[in-house]
N, C-alpha and C. Protein backbone atom coordinates (compact mmCIF):
# COMPACT_ATOMS: atom_id res chain seq x y z
N MET A 1 14.73 39.25 2.86
CA MET A 1 13.49 39.04 2.13
C MET A 1 12.56 38.18 2.98
N PRO A 2 11.35 38.63 3.25
CA PRO A 2 10.43 37.86 4.10
C PRO A 2 9.90 36.62 3.35
N ILE A 3 9.54 35.58 4.14
CA ILE A 3 9.00 34.37 3.53
C ILE A 3 7.51 34.49 3.26
N TYR A 4 6.89 35.51 3.84
CA TYR A 4 5.45 35.67 3.62
C TYR A 4 5.21 36.57 2.41
N THR A 5 4.14 36.26 1.68
CA THR A 5 3.82 37.04 0.46
C THR A 5 2.54 37.85 0.62
N LYS A 6 1.74 37.50 1.61
CA LYS A 6 0.43 38.10 1.87
C LYS A 6 -0.60 37.72 0.82
N GLY A 7 -0.17 36.91 -0.17
CA GLY A 7 -1.08 36.47 -1.23
C GLY A 7 -2.20 35.57 -0.74
N GLY A 8 -1.97 34.91 0.37
CA GLY A 8 -2.98 33.99 0.89
C GLY A 8 -3.82 34.57 2.01
N ASP A 9 -3.71 35.86 2.25
CA ASP A 9 -4.44 36.49 3.35
C ASP A 9 -5.95 36.41 3.20
N LYS A 10 -6.42 36.15 2.00
CA LYS A 10 -7.87 36.08 1.79
C LYS A 10 -8.32 34.66 1.45
N GLY A 11 -7.49 33.67 1.84
CA GLY A 11 -7.92 32.28 1.72
C GLY A 11 -7.61 31.58 0.42
N SER A 12 -6.72 32.15 -0.39
CA SER A 12 -6.33 31.45 -1.62
C SER A 12 -4.82 31.21 -1.59
N THR A 13 -4.37 30.31 -2.46
CA THR A 13 -2.95 29.99 -2.54
C THR A 13 -2.56 29.80 -4.00
N SER A 14 -1.28 29.98 -4.30
CA SER A 14 -0.78 29.78 -5.66
C SER A 14 -0.36 28.34 -5.86
N LEU A 15 -0.69 27.81 -7.02
CA LEU A 15 -0.25 26.48 -7.40
C LEU A 15 1.09 26.56 -8.10
N TYR A 16 1.65 25.42 -8.46
CA TYR A 16 2.94 25.36 -9.14
C TYR A 16 2.96 26.21 -10.41
N ASP A 17 1.85 26.19 -11.15
CA ASP A 17 1.80 26.93 -12.42
C ASP A 17 1.34 28.37 -12.26
N GLY A 18 1.26 28.85 -11.01
CA GLY A 18 0.93 30.24 -10.75
C GLY A 18 -0.55 30.54 -10.60
N LYS A 19 -1.41 29.60 -10.94
CA LYS A 19 -2.85 29.82 -10.80
C LYS A 19 -3.23 29.78 -9.32
N ARG A 20 -4.26 30.53 -8.96
CA ARG A 20 -4.68 30.61 -7.56
C ARG A 20 -5.95 29.79 -7.35
N VAL A 21 -5.99 29.12 -6.21
CA VAL A 21 -7.16 28.33 -5.82
C VAL A 21 -7.41 28.54 -4.33
N SER A 22 -8.60 28.17 -3.90
CA SER A 22 -8.95 28.27 -2.49
C SER A 22 -8.11 27.29 -1.66
N LYS A 23 -7.69 27.74 -0.49
CA LYS A 23 -6.86 26.89 0.37
C LYS A 23 -7.61 25.65 0.87
N ASP A 24 -8.94 25.68 0.81
CA ASP A 24 -9.68 24.50 1.26
C ASP A 24 -10.13 23.60 0.10
N SER A 25 -9.55 23.81 -1.09
CA SER A 25 -9.90 22.97 -2.23
C SER A 25 -9.38 21.55 -2.02
N LEU A 26 -10.01 20.60 -2.69
CA LEU A 26 -9.59 19.21 -2.59
C LEU A 26 -8.17 19.04 -3.11
N ARG A 27 -7.80 19.78 -4.11
CA ARG A 27 -6.42 19.72 -4.64
C ARG A 27 -5.42 20.09 -3.55
N VAL A 28 -5.66 21.21 -2.86
CA VAL A 28 -4.75 21.66 -1.81
C VAL A 28 -4.76 20.67 -0.64
N GLU A 29 -5.92 20.16 -0.28
CA GLU A 29 -6.02 19.17 0.79
C GLU A 29 -5.21 17.92 0.44
N THR A 30 -5.26 17.53 -0.82
CA THR A 30 -4.56 16.32 -1.26
C THR A 30 -3.05 16.52 -1.23
N TYR A 31 -2.54 17.56 -1.90
CA TYR A 31 -1.08 17.71 -1.88
C TYR A 31 -0.58 18.13 -0.50
N GLY A 32 -1.42 18.80 0.28
CA GLY A 32 -1.05 19.16 1.65
C GLY A 32 -0.90 17.93 2.54
N THR A 33 -1.74 16.93 2.31
CA THR A 33 -1.64 15.70 3.10
C THR A 33 -0.39 14.92 2.70
N PHE A 34 -0.04 14.95 1.43
CA PHE A 34 1.23 14.33 1.02
C PHE A 34 2.42 15.10 1.58
N ASP A 35 2.30 16.41 1.74
CA ASP A 35 3.34 17.21 2.38
C ASP A 35 3.49 16.78 3.84
N GLU A 36 2.36 16.59 4.53
CA GLU A 36 2.38 16.10 5.91
C GLU A 36 3.05 14.73 5.97
N LEU A 37 2.72 13.88 5.02
CA LEU A 37 3.34 12.56 4.96
C LEU A 37 4.85 12.69 4.80
N ASN A 38 5.28 13.56 3.91
CA ASN A 38 6.71 13.70 3.65
C ASN A 38 7.46 14.18 4.90
N ALA A 39 6.85 15.07 5.67
CA ALA A 39 7.48 15.52 6.91
C ALA A 39 7.61 14.34 7.89
N ASN A 40 6.61 13.47 7.90
CA ASN A 40 6.67 12.28 8.76
C ASN A 40 7.72 11.29 8.27
N VAL A 41 7.87 11.18 6.95
CA VAL A 41 8.90 10.30 6.39
C VAL A 41 10.29 10.81 6.78
N SER A 42 10.47 12.12 6.73
CA SER A 42 11.74 12.72 7.12
C SER A 42 12.06 12.39 8.58
N LEU A 43 11.07 12.47 9.44
CA LEU A 43 11.26 12.12 10.84
C LEU A 43 11.61 10.64 10.98
N ALA A 44 10.91 9.79 10.24
CA ALA A 44 11.17 8.35 10.31
C ALA A 44 12.60 8.03 9.89
N ASP A 45 13.07 8.67 8.82
CA ASP A 45 14.42 8.31 8.34
C ASP A 45 15.48 8.67 9.37
N LYS A 46 15.24 9.69 10.21
CA LYS A 46 16.20 10.05 11.26
C LYS A 46 16.18 9.05 12.40
N MET A 47 15.10 8.29 12.54
CA MET A 47 14.95 7.33 13.62
C MET A 47 15.43 5.93 13.26
N CYS A 48 15.62 5.67 11.98
CA CYS A 48 15.94 4.32 11.52
C CYS A 48 17.28 3.82 12.05
N VAL A 49 17.31 2.55 12.41
CA VAL A 49 18.54 1.87 12.81
C VAL A 49 19.33 1.49 11.57
N SER A 50 18.63 1.06 10.54
CA SER A 50 19.25 0.60 9.30
C SER A 50 19.64 1.78 8.41
N LYS A 51 20.93 1.85 8.08
CA LYS A 51 21.41 2.91 7.17
C LYS A 51 20.77 2.75 5.80
N ARG A 52 20.58 1.51 5.36
CA ARG A 52 19.95 1.28 4.06
C ARG A 52 18.52 1.84 4.06
N ASN A 53 17.79 1.59 5.14
CA ASN A 53 16.42 2.11 5.22
C ASN A 53 16.42 3.63 5.19
N GLN A 54 17.41 4.26 5.83
CA GLN A 54 17.51 5.71 5.78
C GLN A 54 17.69 6.19 4.35
N GLU A 55 18.57 5.52 3.61
CA GLU A 55 18.83 5.91 2.21
C GLU A 55 17.58 5.72 1.35
N ILE A 56 16.88 4.62 1.55
CA ILE A 56 15.66 4.34 0.78
C ILE A 56 14.61 5.41 1.07
N LEU A 57 14.44 5.75 2.33
CA LEU A 57 13.44 6.75 2.71
C LEU A 57 13.79 8.12 2.14
N LYS A 58 15.06 8.46 2.09
CA LYS A 58 15.45 9.74 1.50
C LYS A 58 15.06 9.79 0.01
N LYS A 59 15.22 8.68 -0.71
CA LYS A 59 14.79 8.62 -2.11
C LYS A 59 13.29 8.88 -2.21
N ILE A 60 12.54 8.29 -1.30
CA ILE A 60 11.08 8.45 -1.31
C ILE A 60 10.72 9.90 -1.01
N GLU A 61 11.44 10.54 -0.09
CA GLU A 61 11.18 11.94 0.23
C GLU A 61 11.29 12.81 -1.02
N TYR A 62 12.32 12.59 -1.83
CA TYR A 62 12.48 13.38 -3.05
C TYR A 62 11.36 13.09 -4.05
N LYS A 63 10.97 11.82 -4.17
CA LYS A 63 9.88 11.47 -5.08
C LYS A 63 8.57 12.14 -4.66
N MET A 64 8.39 12.29 -3.35
CA MET A 64 7.17 12.92 -2.83
C MET A 64 7.06 14.37 -3.30
N PHE A 65 8.18 15.07 -3.44
CA PHE A 65 8.14 16.45 -3.95
C PHE A 65 7.54 16.48 -5.35
N PHE A 66 7.95 15.54 -6.18
CA PHE A 66 7.45 15.49 -7.55
C PHE A 66 5.98 15.10 -7.60
N LEU A 67 5.59 14.18 -6.72
CA LEU A 67 4.18 13.79 -6.62
C LEU A 67 3.33 15.00 -6.22
N GLN A 68 3.77 15.70 -5.18
CA GLN A 68 3.04 16.89 -4.72
C GLN A 68 2.98 17.96 -5.81
N GLY A 69 4.09 18.16 -6.49
CA GLY A 69 4.15 19.17 -7.54
C GLY A 69 3.15 18.91 -8.64
N GLU A 70 3.04 17.64 -9.04
CA GLU A 70 2.09 17.32 -10.11
C GLU A 70 0.65 17.53 -9.66
N ILE A 71 0.36 17.17 -8.42
CA ILE A 71 -0.99 17.38 -7.89
C ILE A 71 -1.28 18.87 -7.75
N ALA A 72 -0.24 19.65 -7.46
CA ALA A 72 -0.39 21.08 -7.22
C ALA A 72 -0.30 21.89 -8.51
N THR A 73 -0.66 21.29 -9.64
CA THR A 73 -0.57 21.98 -10.92
C THR A 73 -1.84 21.77 -11.73
N LEU A 74 -2.49 22.86 -12.12
CA LEU A 74 -3.66 22.73 -12.98
C LEU A 74 -3.24 22.31 -14.39
N ASP A 75 -2.15 22.87 -14.87
CA ASP A 75 -1.65 22.56 -16.20
C ASP A 75 -0.60 21.44 -16.09
N THR A 76 -1.07 20.18 -16.06
CA THR A 76 -0.19 19.03 -15.86
C THR A 76 0.89 18.96 -16.93
N ASP A 77 0.54 19.29 -18.18
CA ASP A 77 1.53 19.24 -19.26
C ASP A 77 2.71 20.18 -18.96
N LYS A 78 2.42 21.34 -18.40
CA LYS A 78 3.47 22.29 -18.06
C LYS A 78 4.39 21.68 -16.99
N PHE A 79 3.80 21.02 -16.02
CA PHE A 79 4.60 20.39 -14.97
C PHE A 79 5.48 19.28 -15.56
N ILE A 80 4.88 18.43 -16.38
CA ILE A 80 5.60 17.30 -16.97
C ILE A 80 6.77 17.79 -17.82
N GLN A 81 6.61 18.90 -18.52
CA GLN A 81 7.67 19.45 -19.36
C GLN A 81 8.82 20.03 -18.54
N ASN A 82 8.51 20.50 -17.34
CA ASN A 82 9.50 21.24 -16.55
C ASN A 82 10.01 20.53 -15.30
N SER A 83 9.59 19.30 -15.07
CA SER A 83 9.96 18.65 -13.82
C SER A 83 10.14 17.15 -14.00
N VAL A 84 10.75 16.54 -13.02
CA VAL A 84 10.80 15.09 -12.93
C VAL A 84 9.41 14.62 -12.52
N THR A 85 8.98 13.47 -13.02
CA THR A 85 7.66 12.96 -12.67
C THR A 85 7.77 11.53 -12.16
N ILE A 86 6.72 11.08 -11.51
CA ILE A 86 6.62 9.69 -11.06
C ILE A 86 6.34 8.84 -12.31
N GLU A 87 7.12 7.77 -12.46
CA GLU A 87 6.97 6.89 -13.63
C GLU A 87 6.86 5.43 -13.18
N GLU A 88 6.64 4.53 -14.12
CA GLU A 88 6.50 3.10 -13.82
C GLU A 88 7.72 2.55 -13.08
N ASN A 89 8.92 3.02 -13.42
CA ASN A 89 10.10 2.51 -12.72
C ASN A 89 10.06 2.85 -11.23
N ASP A 90 9.38 3.93 -10.85
CA ASP A 90 9.23 4.28 -9.44
C ASP A 90 8.29 3.30 -8.74
N VAL A 91 7.24 2.88 -9.43
CA VAL A 91 6.33 1.86 -8.89
C VAL A 91 7.11 0.56 -8.73
N HIS A 92 7.89 0.19 -9.74
CA HIS A 92 8.68 -1.05 -9.67
C HIS A 92 9.70 -1.01 -8.54
N TYR A 93 10.27 0.15 -8.29
CA TYR A 93 11.23 0.29 -7.19
C TYR A 93 10.56 -0.04 -5.86
N LEU A 94 9.37 0.52 -5.64
CA LEU A 94 8.64 0.21 -4.40
C LEU A 94 8.33 -1.27 -4.32
N GLU A 95 7.88 -1.86 -5.42
CA GLU A 95 7.55 -3.29 -5.44
C GLU A 95 8.79 -4.14 -5.15
N GLN A 96 9.92 -3.73 -5.69
CA GLN A 96 11.17 -4.46 -5.46
C GLN A 96 11.52 -4.47 -3.97
N ILE A 97 11.44 -3.31 -3.33
CA ILE A 97 11.73 -3.22 -1.90
C ILE A 97 10.73 -4.05 -1.10
N ILE A 98 9.46 -3.92 -1.41
CA ILE A 98 8.42 -4.68 -0.71
C ILE A 98 8.69 -6.17 -0.83
N ASP A 99 8.95 -6.66 -2.05
CA ASP A 99 9.20 -8.08 -2.27
C ASP A 99 10.46 -8.56 -1.55
N GLU A 100 11.52 -7.79 -1.66
CA GLU A 100 12.79 -8.16 -1.01
C GLU A 100 12.63 -8.26 0.50
N TYR A 101 12.00 -7.27 1.10
CA TYR A 101 11.85 -7.25 2.55
C TYR A 101 10.85 -8.31 3.01
N THR A 102 9.79 -8.53 2.26
CA THR A 102 8.81 -9.55 2.62
C THR A 102 9.49 -10.92 2.66
N GLU A 103 10.38 -11.15 1.72
CA GLU A 103 11.10 -12.43 1.63
C GLU A 103 12.01 -12.66 2.84
N LYS A 104 12.68 -11.60 3.30
CA LYS A 104 13.67 -11.79 4.37
C LYS A 104 13.09 -11.67 5.78
N LEU A 105 11.93 -11.05 5.92
CA LEU A 105 11.35 -10.87 7.26
C LEU A 105 10.55 -12.10 7.68
N PRO A 106 10.43 -12.33 8.99
CA PRO A 106 9.60 -13.44 9.45
C PRO A 106 8.16 -13.29 8.96
N LYS A 107 7.52 -14.40 8.68
CA LYS A 107 6.15 -14.39 8.19
C LYS A 107 5.21 -13.87 9.29
N VAL A 108 4.22 -13.09 8.88
CA VAL A 108 3.22 -12.57 9.82
C VAL A 108 1.94 -13.37 9.62
N THR A 109 1.41 -13.91 10.72
CA THR A 109 0.19 -14.71 10.64
C THR A 109 -0.98 -14.10 11.41
N THR A 110 -0.72 -12.99 12.09
CA THR A 110 -1.77 -12.30 12.84
C THR A 110 -1.60 -10.80 12.64
N PHE A 111 -2.58 -10.05 13.13
CA PHE A 111 -2.43 -8.60 13.13
C PHE A 111 -1.27 -8.24 14.06
N ILE A 112 -0.56 -7.17 13.72
CA ILE A 112 0.55 -6.74 14.56
C ILE A 112 0.24 -5.35 15.12
N LEU A 113 0.79 -5.09 16.30
CA LEU A 113 0.68 -3.74 16.85
C LEU A 113 1.51 -2.81 15.98
N PRO A 114 1.09 -1.56 15.84
CA PRO A 114 1.79 -0.64 14.94
C PRO A 114 3.11 -0.13 15.51
N GLY A 115 4.13 -0.96 15.45
CA GLY A 115 5.48 -0.53 15.80
C GLY A 115 5.99 -1.04 17.12
N ALA A 116 7.05 -1.84 17.06
CA ALA A 116 7.71 -2.34 18.27
C ALA A 116 8.97 -1.52 18.56
N SER A 117 9.28 -0.59 17.68
CA SER A 117 10.44 0.28 17.85
C SER A 117 10.00 1.71 17.54
N LEU A 118 10.85 2.65 17.90
CA LEU A 118 10.53 4.05 17.63
C LEU A 118 10.38 4.30 16.13
N ALA A 119 11.34 3.83 15.34
CA ALA A 119 11.27 4.02 13.89
C ALA A 119 10.10 3.27 13.29
N GLY A 120 9.87 2.03 13.78
CA GLY A 120 8.73 1.25 13.29
C GLY A 120 7.41 1.95 13.56
N SER A 121 7.28 2.52 14.75
CA SER A 121 6.06 3.25 15.10
C SER A 121 5.88 4.46 14.18
N GLN A 122 6.96 5.20 13.94
CA GLN A 122 6.88 6.38 13.08
C GLN A 122 6.55 5.98 11.65
N LEU A 123 7.07 4.86 11.19
CA LEU A 123 6.75 4.39 9.83
C LEU A 123 5.29 3.96 9.73
N HIS A 124 4.72 3.47 10.82
CA HIS A 124 3.28 3.17 10.81
C HIS A 124 2.47 4.47 10.77
N VAL A 125 2.97 5.53 11.40
CA VAL A 125 2.34 6.85 11.26
C VAL A 125 2.37 7.23 9.78
N CYS A 126 3.50 7.02 9.13
CA CYS A 126 3.62 7.31 7.68
C CYS A 126 2.59 6.50 6.90
N ARG A 127 2.45 5.23 7.24
CA ARG A 127 1.49 4.36 6.54
C ARG A 127 0.07 4.90 6.68
N THR A 128 -0.31 5.32 7.87
CA THR A 128 -1.69 5.78 8.07
C THR A 128 -1.93 7.15 7.43
N VAL A 129 -0.94 8.04 7.49
CA VAL A 129 -1.08 9.33 6.81
C VAL A 129 -1.15 9.10 5.30
N CYS A 130 -0.37 8.15 4.81
CA CYS A 130 -0.39 7.81 3.39
C CYS A 130 -1.77 7.32 2.97
N ARG A 131 -2.39 6.49 3.79
CA ARG A 131 -3.74 6.00 3.48
C ARG A 131 -4.74 7.15 3.41
N ARG A 132 -4.60 8.11 4.33
CA ARG A 132 -5.49 9.28 4.31
C ARG A 132 -5.26 10.10 3.04
N ALA A 133 -3.98 10.30 2.72
CA ALA A 133 -3.65 11.04 1.49
C ALA A 133 -4.20 10.31 0.27
N GLU A 134 -4.13 8.99 0.28
CA GLU A 134 -4.66 8.20 -0.84
C GLU A 134 -6.18 8.39 -0.96
N ARG A 135 -6.87 8.43 0.16
CA ARG A 135 -8.33 8.64 0.11
C ARG A 135 -8.64 10.00 -0.52
N TYR A 136 -7.89 11.04 -0.13
CA TYR A 136 -8.07 12.36 -0.77
C TYR A 136 -7.76 12.28 -2.25
N PHE A 137 -6.68 11.57 -2.60
CA PHE A 137 -6.28 11.47 -4.00
C PHE A 137 -7.36 10.78 -4.83
N VAL A 138 -7.96 9.73 -4.28
CA VAL A 138 -9.03 9.03 -5.01
C VAL A 138 -10.19 9.98 -5.28
N ARG A 139 -10.58 10.75 -4.26
CA ARG A 139 -11.64 11.74 -4.48
C ARG A 139 -11.22 12.77 -5.51
N PHE A 140 -9.99 13.24 -5.40
CA PHE A 140 -9.44 14.23 -6.33
C PHE A 140 -9.46 13.69 -7.76
N SER A 141 -9.08 12.42 -7.93
CA SER A 141 -9.00 11.83 -9.27
C SER A 141 -10.36 11.62 -9.91
N LYS A 142 -11.43 11.71 -9.13
CA LYS A 142 -12.78 11.65 -9.70
C LYS A 142 -13.17 12.99 -10.31
N GLU A 143 -12.51 14.06 -9.86
CA GLU A 143 -12.80 15.40 -10.36
C GLU A 143 -11.83 15.86 -11.45
N VAL A 144 -10.59 15.35 -11.38
CA VAL A 144 -9.52 15.81 -12.26
C VAL A 144 -8.84 14.59 -12.87
N LYS A 145 -8.56 14.66 -14.15
CA LYS A 145 -7.85 13.56 -14.79
C LYS A 145 -6.41 13.51 -14.28
N VAL A 146 -6.00 12.34 -13.79
CA VAL A 146 -4.63 12.15 -13.31
C VAL A 146 -3.98 11.01 -14.09
N ARG A 147 -2.68 11.03 -14.13
CA ARG A 147 -1.99 9.93 -14.80
C ARG A 147 -2.14 8.65 -13.98
N PRO A 148 -2.51 7.53 -14.60
CA PRO A 148 -2.72 6.27 -13.86
C PRO A 148 -1.51 5.82 -13.05
N VAL A 149 -0.31 6.17 -13.48
CA VAL A 149 0.87 5.75 -12.74
C VAL A 149 0.89 6.37 -11.33
N LEU A 150 0.30 7.54 -11.17
CA LEU A 150 0.25 8.16 -9.83
C LEU A 150 -0.62 7.32 -8.90
N GLU A 151 -1.74 6.83 -9.41
CA GLU A 151 -2.61 5.98 -8.60
C GLU A 151 -1.88 4.73 -8.14
N LYS A 152 -1.14 4.10 -9.06
CA LYS A 152 -0.39 2.89 -8.71
C LYS A 152 0.69 3.19 -7.68
N TYR A 153 1.42 4.28 -7.90
CA TYR A 153 2.51 4.64 -6.99
C TYR A 153 1.97 4.88 -5.58
N ILE A 154 0.91 5.64 -5.50
CA ILE A 154 0.33 5.97 -4.19
C ILE A 154 -0.19 4.71 -3.50
N ASN A 155 -0.79 3.82 -4.26
CA ASN A 155 -1.30 2.57 -3.69
C ASN A 155 -0.16 1.70 -3.14
N ARG A 156 0.96 1.65 -3.83
CA ARG A 156 2.11 0.86 -3.35
C ARG A 156 2.78 1.52 -2.15
N LEU A 157 2.68 2.83 -2.07
CA LEU A 157 3.40 3.57 -1.04
C LEU A 157 3.01 3.14 0.38
N SER A 158 1.73 2.95 0.65
CA SER A 158 1.36 2.55 2.01
C SER A 158 1.85 1.14 2.33
N ASP A 159 1.84 0.25 1.34
CA ASP A 159 2.40 -1.10 1.55
C ASP A 159 3.90 -1.00 1.82
N PHE A 160 4.56 -0.10 1.12
CA PHE A 160 5.98 0.14 1.32
C PHE A 160 6.25 0.58 2.77
N PHE A 161 5.46 1.51 3.28
CA PHE A 161 5.69 1.98 4.66
C PHE A 161 5.43 0.87 5.67
N TYR A 162 4.46 0.02 5.39
CA TYR A 162 4.18 -1.12 6.27
C TYR A 162 5.40 -2.04 6.35
N ILE A 163 5.97 -2.39 5.20
CA ILE A 163 7.10 -3.32 5.20
C ILE A 163 8.35 -2.65 5.78
N MET A 164 8.50 -1.35 5.57
CA MET A 164 9.64 -0.64 6.17
C MET A 164 9.51 -0.62 7.70
N ALA A 165 8.29 -0.45 8.19
CA ALA A 165 8.06 -0.48 9.64
C ALA A 165 8.43 -1.85 10.20
N ARG A 166 8.02 -2.89 9.52
CA ARG A 166 8.37 -4.25 9.96
C ARG A 166 9.88 -4.46 9.93
N SER A 167 10.53 -3.93 8.90
CA SER A 167 11.98 -4.05 8.79
C SER A 167 12.68 -3.37 9.96
N GLU A 168 12.25 -2.17 10.28
CA GLU A 168 12.88 -1.45 11.40
C GLU A 168 12.62 -2.15 12.73
N ASP A 169 11.41 -2.69 12.92
CA ASP A 169 11.13 -3.44 14.15
C ASP A 169 12.05 -4.66 14.24
N TYR A 170 12.25 -5.34 13.12
CA TYR A 170 13.11 -6.52 13.08
C TYR A 170 14.56 -6.15 13.36
N GLU A 171 15.05 -5.07 12.71
CA GLU A 171 16.42 -4.61 12.94
C GLU A 171 16.63 -4.22 14.40
N ASN A 172 15.64 -3.58 14.98
CA ASN A 172 15.70 -3.18 16.38
C ASN A 172 15.75 -4.40 17.29
N GLN A 173 14.95 -5.42 16.96
CA GLN A 173 14.93 -6.65 17.75
C GLN A 173 16.30 -7.35 17.69
N ILE A 174 16.88 -7.43 16.50
CA ILE A 174 18.21 -8.05 16.35
C ILE A 174 19.25 -7.28 17.16
N ALA A 175 19.20 -5.96 17.08
CA ALA A 175 20.15 -5.13 17.83
C ALA A 175 20.00 -5.35 19.33
N SER A 176 18.76 -5.47 19.82
CA SER A 176 18.52 -5.68 21.25
C SER A 176 19.03 -7.04 21.70
N VAL A 177 18.76 -8.06 20.91
CA VAL A 177 19.22 -9.42 21.26
C VAL A 177 20.75 -9.46 21.23
N THR A 178 21.36 -8.87 20.23
CA THR A 178 22.82 -8.85 20.13
C THR A 178 23.43 -8.14 21.34
N LYS A 179 22.84 -7.03 21.71
CA LYS A 179 23.34 -6.26 22.86
C LYS A 179 23.24 -7.10 24.14
N GLU A 180 22.15 -7.82 24.30
CA GLU A 180 21.96 -8.66 25.49
C GLU A 180 22.96 -9.82 25.50
N VAL A 181 23.21 -10.44 24.36
CA VAL A 181 24.18 -11.54 24.28
C VAL A 181 25.57 -11.02 24.65
N ILE A 182 25.95 -9.87 24.13
CA ILE A 182 27.26 -9.29 24.46
C ILE A 182 27.34 -8.96 25.94
N ARG A 183 26.27 -8.41 26.49
CA ARG A 183 26.26 -8.09 27.94
C ARG A 183 26.47 -9.35 28.77
N ARG A 184 25.77 -10.42 28.43
CA ARG A 184 25.91 -11.68 29.19
C ARG A 184 27.29 -12.29 29.00
N TYR A 185 27.82 -12.22 27.79
CA TYR A 185 29.16 -12.74 27.53
C TYR A 185 30.19 -11.99 28.36
N ASN A 186 30.10 -10.65 28.34
CA ASN A 186 31.04 -9.84 29.13
C ASN A 186 30.91 -10.13 30.61
N LYS A 187 29.74 -10.36 31.11
CA LYS A 187 29.50 -10.67 32.51
C LYS A 187 30.15 -12.01 32.87
N LEU A 188 29.98 -13.01 31.99
CA LEU A 188 30.57 -14.34 32.23
C LEU A 188 32.09 -14.31 32.16
N SER A 189 32.61 -13.54 31.20
CA SER A 189 34.07 -13.52 31.03
C SER A 189 34.77 -12.77 32.17
N LYS A 190 34.07 -11.90 32.85
CA LYS A 190 34.66 -11.17 33.98
C LYS A 190 34.51 -11.93 35.28
N GLY A 191 33.57 -12.84 35.33
CA GLY A 191 33.26 -13.44 36.61
C GLY A 191 33.60 -14.85 36.75
């Protein structure tokens, strides 16, 4: 069975509820940018040093499907009845991670370069794509009524990626210092 349907050959696409819209609509641009973000999150989770960060990012990847699905539906009630949705507990989860990591990481007093490690750099890419997606979402929400919890979740999401990037940079720094200490110890013990 081919993956192509030919339904979009004339510039339209099907939404979750089966309705067709133009591929250049703000709705499609918005959920498409969150799709781009999710692909970047998937890449970031493969780069992470911290297993916990990988697990957290995988949870976010699944939540992104539900976020995209709701945006990609004209009949929001139909989506809510048939799918998992973003709720207040999802916002609280992001806040919990942000608060926990902010507490344990060194304090930042200046602007930082976007990523001192590969995973940290990729998570900053996630942060910037998230900000772009949020700008589309804000424009979209002026045209279409959206649930307020989506606005809160999306707003916390970029802060979440920032703190995850800092966490991965910190984990990478600890791993590098530990490796260097072991190298020097082994050198001294042999010589």
